[in-house]
Every structure is written in structure tokens, then in C-alpha cells.
Amino acid sequence: NLTTNERAIIYVLLNSDIKLSYEDIAVMMGKRKSTIRGQINSIRQKSGSLIEEVLSENNKKRVFIPEKTKEVLLKSRKVRNKRKKL
């Protein structure tokens, strides 16, 4: 039930090994920081534990998808791709 832009943010976070700030994601996607912040808040409302947020040492919020959640999402994606090939 996520929008296309929200799925794109999830894709960026899934493919990142580090915790990203709103500015990092905005630069990667070519959008404004406020737009990214709003879309991340929308994702968090729709599926609460999908994205987590922490404060870095310079008080900058960083977002990430926990490793266990990443594994589940990536496994389900591989299963879907295998089914499509059959």
C-alpha cells in the first residue's frame, strides 16, 4: 500500500549499508529534504517498524531498515522473481 515514491525510498534504504540522513536520500533521488521527510513519515505511519530512525553524534537524524527486516524483504523479492520466471 505504498506509493511509487515511497517504494523508491525503501529501495534506496535496502541497497544502502549505512544509515542515511534525509539530505543524503534527497540528493540521491533529486528531491527536496522536506519531501523526503514527509514521505518517510508516511511510510512509518503505514508500516511502523519498517524504517527506524536514530540521531547521529552531530544531532542529524539518520534512517535505515534493520538487518532482519532487510533479509525478509530481500528473500520475499527473490521468491517472487523465481515464480515469475517459471
Protein backbone atom coordinates (compact mmCIF):
# COMPACT_ATOMS: atom_id res chain seq x y z
CA ASN A 1 0.00 0.00 0.00
CA LEU A 2 3.00 2.31 -0.53
CA THR A 3 3.18 4.88 -3.31
CA THR A 4 5.78 4.64 -6.06
CA ASN A 5 7.92 7.35 -4.45
CA GLU A 6 7.71 5.64 -1.05
CA ARG A 7 8.82 2.36 -2.64
CA ALA A 8 11.74 4.18 -4.23
CA ILE A 9 12.87 5.37 -0.79
CA ILE A 10 12.58 1.80 0.53
CA TYR A 11 14.70 0.62 -2.42
CA VAL A 12 17.39 3.21 -1.63
CA LEU A 13 17.44 2.16 2.03
CA LEU A 14 17.51 -1.55 1.16
CA ASN A 15 20.56 -1.03 -1.03
CA SER A 16 22.48 1.05 1.49
CA ASP A 17 24.82 -0.42 4.07
CA ILE A 18 24.92 2.81 6.07
CA LYS A 19 22.33 4.90 7.88
CA LEU A 20 21.28 7.77 5.62
CA SER A 21 20.15 11.27 6.53
CA TYR A 22 17.17 12.95 4.88
CA GLU A 23 19.66 15.10 2.95
CA ASP A 24 21.50 12.03 1.66
CA ILE A 25 18.28 10.48 0.34
CA ALA A 26 17.13 13.80 -1.13
CA VAL A 27 20.37 14.17 -3.09
CA MET A 28 20.22 10.56 -4.32
CA MET A 29 16.64 10.95 -5.51
CA GLY A 30 16.82 14.55 -6.74
CA LYS A 31 14.13 15.79 -4.35
CA ARG A 32 13.85 18.31 -1.54
CA LYS A 33 14.68 17.27 2.01
CA SER A 34 11.20 18.24 3.22
CA THR A 35 9.59 16.00 0.59
CA ILE A 36 11.72 13.03 1.67
CA ARG A 37 10.95 13.69 5.34
CA GLY A 38 7.20 13.72 4.59
CA GLN A 39 7.38 10.52 2.55
CA ILE A 40 9.38 8.74 5.26
CA ASN A 41 6.84 9.81 7.87
CA SER A 42 4.09 8.44 5.61
CA ILE A 43 5.95 5.11 5.29
CA ARG A 44 6.36 4.95 9.06
CA GLN A 45 2.61 5.56 9.57
CA LYS A 46 1.67 2.85 7.07
CA SER A 47 4.16 0.23 8.24
CA GLY A 48 5.56 1.22 11.61
CA SER A 49 8.66 -0.91 12.11
CA LEU A 50 9.89 -0.93 8.51
CA ILE A 51 12.09 2.16 8.90
CA GLU A 52 13.94 3.09 12.06
CA GLU A 53 15.45 6.44 12.95
CA VAL A 54 18.45 7.37 15.11
CA LEU A 55 20.27 10.57 15.99
CA SER A 56 23.92 10.69 14.95
CA GLU A 57 26.59 12.36 17.04
CA ASN A 58 26.02 15.72 15.30
CA ASN A 59 22.26 15.57 16.07
CA LYS A 60 21.35 14.67 12.49
CA LYS A 61 18.53 12.17 12.06
CA ARG A 62 19.51 9.07 10.15
CA VAL A 63 17.10 6.44 8.84
CA PHE A 64 17.65 2.81 8.00
CA ILE A 65 15.95 -0.54 7.58
CA PRO A 66 17.02 -3.04 10.29
CA GLU A 67 19.06 -6.01 9.04
CA LYS A 68 16.43 -8.64 9.93
CA THR A 69 13.76 -6.68 8.06
CA LYS A 70 16.11 -6.29 5.07
CA GLU A 71 16.64 -10.04 4.96
CA VAL A 72 12.90 -10.73 4.99
CA LEU A 73 12.19 -8.17 2.27
CA LEU A 74 15.02 -9.33 0.04
CA LYS A 75 14.09 -13.03 0.42
CA SER A 76 10.45 -12.37 -0.48
CA ARG A 77 11.60 -10.42 -3.53
CA LYS A 78 13.80 -13.31 -4.71
CA VAL A 79 10.91 -15.77 -4.31
CA ARG A 80 8.65 -13.53 -6.41
CA ASN A 81 11.27 -13.23 -9.15
CA LYS A 82 11.73 -17.02 -9.29
CA ARG A 83 7.98 -17.54 -9.60
CA LYS A 84 7.76 -15.08 -12.49
CA LYS A 85 10.46 -16.98 -14.39
CA LEU A 86 8.56 -20.27 -14.08
